[in-house]
Protein backbone atom coordinates (compact mmCIF):
# COMPACT_ATOMS: atom_id res chain seq x y z
CA MET A 1 -27.53 167.45 65.26
CA LYS A 2 -25.90 164.45 66.86
CA ASP A 3 -22.45 164.82 68.35
CA THR A 4 -20.86 161.82 66.62
CA ASN A 5 -20.29 160.70 63.06
CA SER A 6 -22.95 158.39 61.64
CA GLU A 7 -24.52 157.24 58.39
CA MET A 8 -28.15 158.06 57.67
CA MET A 9 -30.52 155.96 55.57
CA ASN A 10 -32.51 157.22 52.61
CA SER A 11 -35.92 158.83 53.08
CA GLN A 12 -39.05 158.01 51.09
CA ASN A 13 -39.84 161.72 50.69
CA THR A 14 -38.55 162.82 47.28
CA PRO A 15 -38.90 166.45 46.16
CA SER A 16 -40.61 167.05 42.84
CA THR A 17 -38.65 169.17 40.37
CA HIS A 18 -40.45 169.75 37.08
CA SER A 19 -38.43 172.62 35.62
CA GLN A 20 -34.70 172.29 35.15
CA ASN A 21 -32.49 175.08 36.45
CA TYR A 22 -28.92 175.00 35.22
CA GLN A 23 -26.37 176.89 37.21
CA ARG A 24 -23.59 178.50 35.26
CA ASN A 25 -20.92 176.72 37.24
CA LEU A 26 -17.33 177.66 36.45
CA MET A 27 -15.84 176.69 39.77
CA VAL A 28 -15.81 173.11 40.96
CA ASN A 29 -16.75 169.86 39.27
CA VAL A 30 -15.85 166.85 41.38
CA ARG A 31 -15.88 164.54 38.37
CA ARG A 32 -12.65 166.13 37.23
CA PRO A 33 -10.04 166.78 39.94
CA GLU A 34 -7.85 168.57 37.39
CA ILE A 35 -10.58 171.21 37.01
CA ILE A 36 -10.73 171.75 40.75
CA LYS A 37 -6.99 172.20 40.81
CA SER A 38 -6.81 174.51 37.80
CA VAL A 39 -9.73 176.77 38.72
CA LEU A 40 -8.87 177.14 42.38
CA ALA A 41 -5.32 177.90 41.34
CA VAL A 42 -6.44 181.48 40.70
CA CYS A 43 -7.15 181.87 44.41
CA PRO A 44 -4.47 184.04 46.09
CA ASP A 45 -1.76 181.88 47.64
CA ASP A 46 -1.51 183.87 50.85
CA LEU A 47 -5.03 183.07 52.09
CA ASP A 48 -5.67 180.76 55.02
CA GLN A 49 -8.34 178.08 54.57
CA LYS A 50 -11.17 180.15 56.03
CA SER A 51 -10.35 183.11 53.78
CA ARG A 52 -10.01 180.75 50.84
CA LEU A 53 -13.53 179.42 51.43
CA GLU A 54 -14.86 182.96 51.75
CA TRP A 55 -13.19 183.76 48.44
CA LEU A 56 -14.93 180.75 46.94
CA GLN A 57 -18.30 181.98 48.24
CA GLU A 58 -17.96 185.08 46.08
CA LYS A 59 -17.55 182.87 43.01
CA ARG A 60 -20.77 181.04 43.85
CA CYS A 61 -22.89 184.11 43.25
CA VAL A 62 -23.49 183.51 39.55
CA GLY A 63 -26.61 183.42 37.42
CA VAL A 64 -28.66 180.40 36.40
CA TRP A 65 -29.91 178.98 33.13
CA ALA A 66 -33.63 178.26 33.24
CA GLN A 67 -35.77 176.53 30.62
CA CYS A 68 -38.98 178.27 29.55
CA THR A 69 -41.87 175.81 29.61
CA ALA A 70 -43.59 177.75 26.80
CA CYS A 71 -40.87 178.13 24.16
CA GLU A 72 -38.52 175.51 25.66
CA GLN A 73 -35.54 177.82 25.24
CA TYR A 74 -32.90 178.12 27.93
CA ARG A 75 -32.40 181.64 29.26
CA PHE A 76 -29.50 182.93 31.32
CA LEU A 77 -30.77 184.91 34.31
CA ALA A 78 -27.73 186.88 35.40
CA ASP A 79 -29.28 188.37 38.53
CA VAL A 80 -30.82 185.14 39.83
CA HIS A 81 -28.19 183.49 42.01
CA ASP A 82 -30.47 181.15 43.95
CA PRO A 83 -32.43 178.60 41.88
CA CYS A 84 -34.92 178.46 44.75
CA ALA A 85 -35.93 182.02 43.88
CA LEU A 86 -37.52 180.71 40.67
CA PRO A 87 -41.05 179.30 40.81
CA ARG A 88 -41.14 175.55 41.14
CA GLY A 89 -42.98 173.79 38.34
CA LYS A 90 -43.55 176.17 35.43
CA TRP A 91 -41.24 179.04 34.55
CA THR A 92 -41.75 181.10 31.40
CA CYS A 93 -39.98 184.00 29.75
CA ALA A 94 -42.97 186.15 30.67
CA ASP A 95 -42.00 185.77 34.33
CA TYR A 96 -38.80 187.74 33.69
CA PRO A 97 -39.16 191.49 32.97
CA SER A 98 -36.62 191.75 30.14
CA LEU A 99 -37.55 188.53 28.36
CA SER A 100 -40.21 187.16 26.07
CA CYS A 101 -40.44 184.00 24.01
CA ASP A 102 -39.74 186.13 20.91
CA VAL A 103 -36.26 187.07 22.12
CA PRO A 104 -33.61 185.01 20.29
CA LYS A 105 -32.08 182.36 22.49
CA GLU A 106 -28.66 182.89 24.00
CA GLU A 107 -26.12 180.19 23.31
CA PRO A 108 -23.72 179.26 26.12
CA SER A 109 -20.07 178.96 25.27
CA ALA A 110 -18.59 175.51 24.82
CA LEU A 111 -16.69 175.90 28.10
CA GLU A 112 -19.83 176.93 29.97
CA GLU A 113 -21.86 174.10 28.49
CA GLU A 114 -19.19 171.61 29.50
CA HIS A 115 -19.60 172.67 33.12
CA PHE A 116 -23.40 172.81 33.28
CA ILE A 117 -24.98 170.85 36.07
CA GLN A 118 -28.68 170.18 36.44
CA ASP A 119 -28.88 171.87 39.80
CA ALA A 120 -31.86 172.71 41.97
CA TYR A 121 -29.74 174.62 44.50
CA ASN A 122 -26.71 176.83 44.89
CA ALA A 123 -24.43 177.47 47.83
CA GLY A 124 -26.59 179.65 50.07
CA SER A 125 -29.93 178.06 49.14
CA VAL A 126 -32.04 177.47 52.26
CA VAL A 127 -33.50 173.97 52.39
CA ARG A 128 -34.82 171.26 54.67
CA ALA A 129 -32.79 168.07 55.10
CA LYS A 130 -33.96 164.76 56.55
CA LEU A 131 -31.85 162.86 59.06
CA ASP A 132 -32.61 159.55 60.70
CA ASP A 133 -34.56 159.88 63.94
CA CYS A 134 -34.96 163.61 63.35
CA PRO A 135 -37.66 165.72 61.72
CA TRP A 136 -37.01 167.61 58.49
CA TRP A 137 -34.40 170.12 59.64
CA PRO A 138 -33.69 173.62 58.27
CA ALA A 139 -30.29 173.81 56.60
CA MET A 140 -28.33 175.71 53.96
CA ILE A 141 -26.48 174.35 50.95
CA ASP A 142 -22.84 175.09 51.69
CA ASP A 143 -19.33 174.21 50.51
CA ASP A 144 -17.61 171.33 52.25
CA PRO A 145 -14.44 172.90 53.72
CA ASN A 146 -12.51 169.70 53.01
CA ILE A 147 -13.13 169.39 49.27
CA GLU A 148 -14.38 172.92 48.50
CA THR A 149 -17.60 172.01 46.72
CA PHE A 150 -21.28 171.73 47.66
CA TYR A 151 -22.53 168.98 45.34
CA TRP A 152 -21.50 165.52 44.21
CA LEU A 153 -21.86 164.01 40.74
CA ASP A 154 -21.47 160.34 39.96
CA GLY A 155 -19.14 160.94 37.02
CA ILE A 156 -21.81 160.02 34.47
CA GLY A 157 -24.82 162.31 34.79
CA ASP A 158 -25.05 166.05 35.31
CA GLN A 159 -27.53 165.93 38.20
CA PRO A 160 -26.07 166.05 41.73
CA LEU A 161 -26.65 162.92 43.79
CA LYS A 162 -25.76 164.58 47.08
CA TYR A 163 -25.44 168.05 48.53
CA HIS A 164 -23.37 169.33 51.40
CA VAL A 165 -25.45 171.25 53.94
CA THR A 166 -24.85 173.25 57.09
CA PHE A 167 -27.63 172.98 59.66
CA PHE A 168 -29.35 175.80 61.47
CA ASP A 169 -29.30 175.09 65.19
CA SER A 170 -28.99 176.63 68.63
CA ARG A 171 -25.98 174.40 69.30
CA GLU A 172 -22.56 174.17 67.72
CA VAL A 173 -22.73 174.31 63.94
CA THR A 174 -22.85 170.94 62.17
CA ARG A 175 -22.74 169.84 58.55
CA ALA A 176 -23.38 166.78 56.38
CA TRP A 177 -23.47 165.28 52.90
CA VAL A 178 -27.12 164.46 52.24
CA PRO A 179 -28.68 162.56 49.31
CA ALA A 180 -30.61 164.86 46.98
CA SER A 181 -33.74 162.81 47.65
CA ARG A 182 -33.57 163.91 51.26
CA ILE A 183 -33.44 167.62 50.53
CA ARG A 184 -36.24 169.97 49.56
CA ARG A 185 -36.81 173.69 49.34
CA TYR A 186 -37.43 175.56 52.54
CA VAL A 187 -40.93 177.04 52.69
CA ALA A 188 -41.47 178.90 55.95
CA ASP A 189 -45.26 178.83 55.93
CA LYS A 190 -45.44 175.12 55.08
CA PRO A 191 -43.47 173.33 57.79
CA PRO A 192 -43.57 169.54 57.63
CA ARG A 193 -45.47 167.63 60.27
CA VAL A 194 -43.34 166.92 63.33
CA ASN A 195 -43.68 163.70 65.28
CA THR A 196 -45.21 164.44 68.67
CA THR A 197 -42.85 161.98 70.34
CA ILE A 198 -39.64 163.91 69.67
CA PRO A 199 -37.88 165.11 72.85
CA ASP A 200 -38.68 168.58 74.11
CA THR A 201 -35.02 169.59 73.80
CA MET A 202 -35.03 168.70 70.11
CA ARG A 203 -38.30 170.54 69.58
CA LEU A 204 -36.80 173.68 71.14
CA ARG A 205 -33.74 173.39 68.91
CA LEU A 206 -35.96 172.91 65.88
CA ASN A 207 -37.90 176.06 66.75
CA VAL A 208 -34.64 178.02 66.91
CA ALA A 209 -33.51 176.50 63.62
CA GLU A 210 -36.79 177.52 61.99
CA ARG A 211 -36.34 181.12 63.14
CA GLN A 212 -32.76 181.18 61.88
CA ALA A 213 -33.82 179.78 58.50
CA GLN A 214 -36.53 182.41 58.21
CA GLN A 215 -33.97 185.13 58.94
CA ALA A 216 -31.66 183.67 56.31
CA THR A 217 -34.35 183.58 53.63
CA LYS A 218 -35.15 187.24 54.26
CA GLU A 219 -31.61 188.08 53.15
CA LYS A 220 -31.91 187.92 49.37
CA ASP A 221 -28.23 188.67 48.76
CA LEU A 222 -26.72 185.21 48.57
CA LEU A 223 -23.22 186.33 49.50
CA LYS A 224 -24.44 188.17 52.60
CA ARG A 225 -26.43 185.08 53.55
CA LEU A 226 -23.31 182.91 53.23
CA ARG A 227 -21.23 185.39 55.17
CA LYS A 228 -23.58 185.07 58.14
CA TRP A 229 -24.89 181.49 58.07
CA SER A 230 -22.27 179.31 56.35
CA PHE A 231 -20.15 176.78 58.19
CA VAL A 232 -17.02 178.92 57.97
CA ALA A 233 -18.93 181.90 59.38
CA ARG A 234 -20.31 180.02 62.38
CA TYR A 235 -17.62 177.50 63.24
CA LYS A 236 -15.58 178.76 66.19
CA GLY A 237 -12.56 176.51 65.80
CA GLU A 238 -9.67 176.60 63.37
CA ILE A 239 -10.44 175.51 59.84
CA LYS A 240 -7.32 173.72 58.72
CA ALA A 241 -6.20 173.35 55.15
CA PRO A 242 -7.44 170.02 53.72
CA LYS A 243 -5.27 167.34 52.22
CA PRO A 244 -4.53 167.67 48.50
CA VAL A 245 -7.59 166.86 46.42
CA GLU A 246 -5.71 164.04 44.70
CA GLU A 247 -5.45 162.26 48.07
CA LEU A 248 -9.05 162.90 49.10
CA MET A 249 -10.86 161.95 45.91
CA PRO A 250 -10.27 158.17 45.94
CA PHE A 251 -11.80 157.89 49.43
CA ILE A 252 -14.67 160.24 48.63
CA ARG A 253 -15.54 158.48 45.37
CA ARG A 254 -15.46 155.10 47.07
CA PHE A 255 -17.78 156.25 49.85
CA MET A 256 -20.21 157.99 47.53
CA ARG A 257 -20.46 155.04 45.14
CA GLN A 258 -20.77 152.40 47.83
CA ASN A 259 -23.33 154.45 49.76
CA PRO A 260 -25.46 156.26 47.16
CA ASP A 261 -28.45 156.53 49.51
CA LYS A 262 -26.58 157.24 52.72
CA MET A 263 -25.28 160.37 54.30
CA TYR A 264 -22.03 161.07 56.06
CA TYR A 265 -22.55 163.31 59.03
CA GLU A 266 -19.78 165.44 60.46
CA THR A 267 -19.65 167.74 63.44
CA LEU A 268 -16.14 169.09 63.01
CA VAL A 269 -13.79 169.79 60.15
């Protein structure tokens, strides 16, 4: 929402996540550049960068693994593409029409299990993100057009430390890498308290962003939501092909490790 690049400090507001939702992620794992290269190699060679990112959006619409708090078994929910669609806190097999705790558990393949991430969001999940000097702002988890992924792992754990988001706004579309501690689910009827001292212009923009986020959440089809509200859908300029991932990763790793609680904010690609 600013027009220049800046780093944002960590917020004290940390979302509570009691149940663990595992996304069946077969696309991008930034811990292993060779996986990025090999998986994205199946993308048609004749696509420009915008079309390539749209192709990637289709691959994001996959099911999630969720742990039942009653039987403690993990269940693959093929038609649940957005982890935010699951109840926060307790989820049981009884919440899903075709399941019960008596159903034998499904075992993921070794390849799938290798790529599991403990993920509270997917590309297309509508959230709120906290920036310095700004209220909690409606945003959407979205792929970074430069490195073609929406989450960052530290190379050790399987829980993302940061997410890439695209902000809802009445102005030119903007995006950022935000620490996971500064992101929480978007709940339309429970907006956070807004400081009364914020400028009127920002308040008007926030009102527009709230309406856009509400429209986005009404679209339950994640791909349709991405097609309308993602960065590549809203950015009016040319989206150029990024540098090879092998060149980008050293810089990205260095920034992420040196600034685990900070955010890099970008206006343009």
